[in-house]
C-alpha atoms as a PDB file:
ATOM      1  CA  UNK A   1     -12.957  17.124 -11.507  1.00  0.00           C
ATOM      2  CA  UNK A   2     -12.514  13.876  -9.293  1.00  0.00           C
ATOM      3  CA  UNK A   3     -11.859  10.374 -11.072  1.00  0.00           C
ATOM      4  CA  UNK A   4     -12.386   7.481  -8.665  1.00  0.00           C
ATOM      5  CA  UNK A   5     -10.364   4.552  -8.986  1.00  0.00           C
ATOM      6  CA  UNK A   6     -10.832   0.992  -7.641  1.00  0.00           C
ATOM      7  CA  UNK A   7      -7.934   0.819  -4.808  1.00  0.00           C
ATOM      8  CA  UNK A   8      -7.149  -3.404  -6.045  1.00  0.00           C
ATOM      9  CA  UNK A   9      -5.924  -1.646  -8.787  1.00  0.00           C
ATOM     10  CA  UNK A  10      -3.303   1.770  -8.042  1.00  0.00           C
ATOM     11  CA  UNK A  11      -2.152   2.309 -11.419  1.00  0.00           C
ATOM     12  CA  UNK A  12      -5.632   3.462 -12.508  1.00  0.00           C
ATOM     13  CA  UNK A  13      -4.725   6.922 -11.123  1.00  0.00           C
ATOM     14  CA  UNK A  14      -1.512   7.023 -13.487  1.00  0.00           C
ATOM     15  CA  UNK A  15      -4.012   6.039 -16.767  1.00  0.00           C
ATOM     16  CA  UNK A  16      -5.906   9.475 -15.451  1.00  0.00           C
ATOM     17  CA  UNK A  17      -3.338  11.304 -16.146  1.00  0.00           C
ATOM     18  CA  UNK A  18      -2.822  13.389 -19.283  1.00  0.00           C
ATOM     19  CA  UNK A  19       0.913  14.019 -20.355  1.00  0.00           C
ATOM     20  CA  UNK A  20       0.898  17.082 -18.505  1.00  0.00           C
ATOM     21  CA  UNK A  21      -0.223  15.784 -15.497  1.00  0.00           C
ATOM     22  CA  UNK A  22       3.185  12.921 -15.773  1.00  0.00           C
ATOM     23  CA  UNK A  23       5.144  16.209 -16.105  1.00  0.00           C
ATOM     24  CA  UNK A  24       3.834  17.822 -13.377  1.00  0.00           C
ATOM     25  CA  UNK A  25       4.261  15.069 -10.935  1.00  0.00           C
ATOM     26  CA  UNK A  26       8.094  14.005 -12.038  1.00  0.00           C
ATOM     27  CA  UNK A  27       9.030  18.014 -11.828  1.00  0.00           C
ATOM     28  CA  UNK A  28      10.448  18.807  -8.484  1.00  0.00           C
ATOM     29  CA  UNK A  29       7.444  20.564  -6.074  1.00  0.00           C
ATOM     30  CA  UNK A  30       6.765  19.811  -2.982  1.00  0.00           C
ATOM     31  CA  UNK A  31       3.451  18.422  -1.332  1.00  0.00           C
ATOM     32  CA  UNK A  32       0.960  18.309   1.309  1.00  0.00           C
ATOM     33  CA  UNK A  33      -0.162  15.388   2.858  1.00  0.00           C
ATOM     34  CA  UNK A  34      -3.394  15.577   4.970  1.00  0.00           C
ATOM     35  CA  UNK A  35      -4.230  12.873   7.387  1.00  0.00           C
ATOM     36  CA  UNK A  36      -6.499  12.608  10.527  1.00  0.00           C
ATOM     37  CA  UNK A  37      -4.391  13.755  14.037  1.00  0.00           C
ATOM     38  CA  UNK A  38      -5.981  12.332  17.406  1.00  0.00           C
ATOM     39  CA  UNK A  39      -8.816  14.835  17.981  1.00  0.00           C
ATOM     40  CA  UNK A  40      -9.990  14.073  14.907  1.00  0.00           C
ATOM     41  CA  UNK A  41      -8.569  17.720  13.162  1.00  0.00           C
ATOM     42  CA  UNK A  42      -7.142  17.585   9.969  1.00  0.00           C
ATOM     43  CA  UNK A  43      -3.047  17.942  10.095  1.00  0.00           C
ATOM     44  CA  UNK A  44      -1.562  18.884   7.382  1.00  0.00           C
ATOM     45  CA  UNK A  45       2.366  19.209   6.319  1.00  0.00           C
ATOM     46  CA  UNK A  46       4.984  19.364   3.414  1.00  0.00           C
ATOM     47  CA  UNK A  47       6.533  17.088   2.090  1.00  0.00           C
ATOM     48  CA  UNK A  48       7.821  15.349  -1.246  1.00  0.00           C
ATOM     49  CA  UNK A  49       6.521  12.408  -2.702  1.00  0.00           C
ATOM     50  CA  UNK A  50       6.536  10.062  -5.822  1.00  0.00           C
ATOM     51  CA  UNK A  51       4.179   8.601  -7.761  1.00  0.00           C
ATOM     52  CA  UNK A  52       5.890   5.545  -9.357  1.00  0.00           C
ATOM     53  CA  UNK A  53       4.673   3.398 -12.252  1.00  0.00           C
ATOM     54  CA  UNK A  54       2.924   0.805  -9.951  1.00  0.00           C
ATOM     55  CA  UNK A  55       0.617   3.610  -8.984  1.00  0.00           C
ATOM     56  CA  UNK A  56       1.631   3.839  -5.814  1.00  0.00           C
ATOM     57  CA  UNK A  57       2.227   6.749  -4.474  1.00  0.00           C
ATOM     58  CA  UNK A  58       5.779   7.187  -1.700  1.00  0.00           C
ATOM     59  CA  UNK A  59       6.942   9.290   0.963  1.00  0.00           C
ATOM     60  CA  UNK A  60       9.903   8.741   2.866  1.00  0.00           C
ATOM     61  CA  UNK A  61       9.773   9.796   6.661  1.00  0.00           C
ATOM     62  CA  UNK A  62      10.532   9.446  10.145  1.00  0.00           C
ATOM     63  CA  UNK A  63       9.086   6.878  11.585  1.00  0.00           C
ATOM     64  CA  UNK A  64       8.684   8.394  14.580  1.00  0.00           C
ATOM     65  CA  UNK A  65       6.070  11.036  12.956  1.00  0.00           C
ATOM     66  CA  UNK A  66       3.142  12.486  13.790  1.00  0.00           C
ATOM     67  CA  UNK A  67       2.111  11.452  10.011  1.00  0.00           C
ATOM     68  CA  UNK A  68       3.296   8.216  10.821  1.00  0.00           C
ATOM     69  CA  UNK A  69       1.277   7.883  13.839  1.00  0.00           C
ATOM     70  CA  UNK A  70      -2.059   9.155  12.487  1.00  0.00           C
ATOM     71  CA  UNK A  71      -1.668   7.151   9.497  1.00  0.00           C
ATOM     72  CA  UNK A  72      -1.292   4.310  12.178  1.00  0.00           C
ATOM     73  CA  UNK A  73      -4.552   5.176  13.785  1.00  0.00           C
ATOM     74  CA  UNK A  74      -7.031   6.293  10.205  1.00  0.00           C
ATOM     75  CA  UNK A  75      -4.965   5.640   6.997  1.00  0.00           C
ATOM     76  CA  UNK A  76      -6.850   7.934   5.175  1.00  0.00           C
ATOM     77  CA  UNK A  77      -4.821  10.381   3.838  1.00  0.00           C
ATOM     78  CA  UNK A  78      -4.279  12.866   0.536  1.00  0.00           C
ATOM     79  CA  UNK A  79      -1.260  14.332  -1.263  1.00  0.00           C
ATOM     80  CA  UNK A  80      -2.053  17.610  -2.912  1.00  0.00           C
ATOM     81  CA  UNK A  81       0.517  19.454  -5.137  1.00  0.00           C
ATOM     82  CA  UNK A  82       0.130  23.006  -6.435  1.00  0.00           C
ATOM     83  CA  UNK A  83       1.797  24.988  -9.019  1.00  0.00           C
ATOM     84  CA  UNK A  84       0.623  28.437  -9.854  1.00  0.00           C
ATOM     85  CA  UNK A  85      -2.668  27.749 -11.073  1.00  0.00           C
ATOM     86  CA  UNK A  86      -2.286  23.583 -11.760  1.00  0.00           C
ATOM     87  CA  UNK A  87      -3.214  21.833  -8.601  1.00  0.00           C
ATOM     88  CA  UNK A  88      -2.938  17.497  -8.411  1.00  0.00           C
ATOM     89  CA  UNK A  89      -4.910  15.536  -5.432  1.00  0.00           C
ATOM     90  CA  UNK A  90      -4.474  11.714  -4.627  1.00  0.00           C
ATOM     91  CA  UNK A  91      -6.535  11.018  -1.689  1.00  0.00           C
ATOM     92  CA  UNK A  92      -6.560   7.319  -1.084  1.00  0.00           C
ATOM     93  CA  UNK A  93      -5.632   4.686   1.734  1.00  0.00           C
ATOM     94  CA  UNK A  94      -1.893   4.217   3.179  1.00  0.00           C
ATOM     95  CA  UNK A  95       0.187   2.200   4.770  1.00  0.00           C
ATOM     96  CA  UNK A  96       3.046   2.079   6.847  1.00  0.00           C
ATOM     97  CA  UNK A  97       6.076   0.069   4.934  1.00  0.00           C
ATOM     98  CA  UNK A  98       9.469  -0.447   6.822  1.00  0.00           C
ATOM     99  CA  UNK A  99      10.868  -3.605   5.112  1.00  0.00           C
ATOM    100  CA  UNK A 100      14.558  -2.453   3.614  1.00  0.00           C
ATOM    101  CA  UNK A 101      13.400  -3.035  -0.094  1.00  0.00           C
ATOM    102  CA  UNK A 102      10.282  -0.469  -0.140  1.00  0.00           C
ATOM    103  CA  UNK A 103      12.272   1.811   1.488  1.00  0.00           C
ATOM    104  CA  UNK A 104      15.338   1.332  -0.809  1.00  0.00           C
ATOM    105  CA  UNK A 105      12.810   1.868  -3.836  1.00  0.00           C
ATOM    106  CA  UNK A 106      11.415   4.817  -2.112  1.00  0.00           C
ATOM    107  CA  UNK A 107      14.622   6.411  -1.363  1.00  0.00           C
ATOM    108  CA  UNK A 108      15.423   5.839  -4.908  1.00  0.00           C
ATOM    109  CA  UNK A 109      12.340   7.723  -6.359  1.00  0.00           C
ATOM    110  CA  UNK A 110      12.784  10.676  -4.411  1.00  0.00           C
ATOM    111  CA  UNK A 111      16.145  11.008  -5.275  1.00  0.00           C
ATOM    112  CA  UNK A 112      15.241  10.732  -9.169  1.00  0.00           C
ATOM    113  CA  UNK A 113      12.522  13.347  -8.022  1.00  0.00           C
ATOM    114  CA  UNK A 114      14.257  15.390  -5.776  1.00  0.00           C
ATOM    115  CA  UNK A 115      17.911  14.741  -4.729  1.00  0.00           C
ATOM    116  CA  UNK A 116      19.737  11.366  -2.372  1.00  0.00           C
ATOM    117  CA  UNK A 117      18.191  11.949   0.854  1.00  0.00           C
ATOM    118  CA  UNK A 118      21.288  11.750   4.152  1.00  0.00           C
ATOM    119  CA  UNK A 119      20.691   8.734   6.066  1.00  0.00           C
ATOM    120  CA  UNK A 120      18.573   8.109   8.630  1.00  0.00           C
ATOM    121  CA  UNK A 121      18.234   5.014  10.877  1.00  0.00           C
ATOM    122  CA  UNK A 122      14.278   5.717  11.495  1.00  0.00           C
ATOM    123  CA  UNK A 123      13.228   6.083   7.456  1.00  0.00           C
ATOM    124  CA  UNK A 124       9.766   4.011   6.578  1.00  0.00           C
ATOM    125  CA  UNK A 125       8.104   5.157   4.042  1.00  0.00           C
ATOM    126  CA  UNK A 126       4.599   5.843   3.929  1.00  0.00           C
ATOM    127  CA  UNK A 127       2.587   4.081   0.813  1.00  0.00           C
ATOM    128  CA  UNK A 128      -0.743   5.655  -0.359  1.00  0.00           C
ATOM    129  CA  UNK A 129      -3.189   3.191  -2.622  1.00  0.00           C
ATOM    130  CA  UNK A 130      -4.562   5.784  -4.818  1.00  0.00           C
ATOM    131  CA  UNK A 131      -8.556   6.101  -4.620  1.00  0.00           C
ATOM    132  CA  UNK A 132      -9.624   9.868  -5.904  1.00  0.00           C
ATOM    133  CA  UNK A 133      -7.182  11.538  -8.180  1.00  0.00           C
ATOM    134  CA  UNK A 134      -8.911  15.584  -9.041  1.00  0.00           C
ATOM    135  CA  UNK A 135      -7.066  18.120 -10.345  1.00  0.00           C
ATOM    136  CA  UNK A 136      -6.750  21.136 -12.661  1.00  0.00           C
ATOM    137  CA  UNK A 137      -8.352  20.537 -16.496  1.00  0.00           C
ATOM    138  CA  UNK A 138      -5.421  19.514 -18.572  1.00  0.00           C
ATOM    139  CA  UNK A 139      -3.708  17.707 -16.026  1.00  0.00           C
ATOM    140  CA  UNK A 140      -6.094  14.698 -15.851  1.00  0.00           C
ATOM    141  CA  UNK A 141      -8.384  12.894 -18.673  1.00  0.00           C
END
């Protein structure tokens, strides 16, 4: 099932999740991030991500990464998480955040879900505004 959310209200994605879906996104699972590569191909990498109470997906990464370059050229992004037969996919538009407060928040959220990341002076945040939520029955309302 697909749930379309207006980009003006990223918290719509949170409301579309069941309690089981929220737990699934809080458990420690890795995911994939798909972006559009420089030749128009799909660039897929493994990532850790968080979905904050504000409804934004956040991924911390290195400012020099290919995914950052891809998103600066074309902001379309999809994060997908799968574990056994359960899966969720969140698609939307991404922005690259470089300000220290945004990075600190993303690091805090990441540490809660995964572990405290090491120091990285080149760290940035990919912040995705969810526009579509797709997933297994039972994870979305």
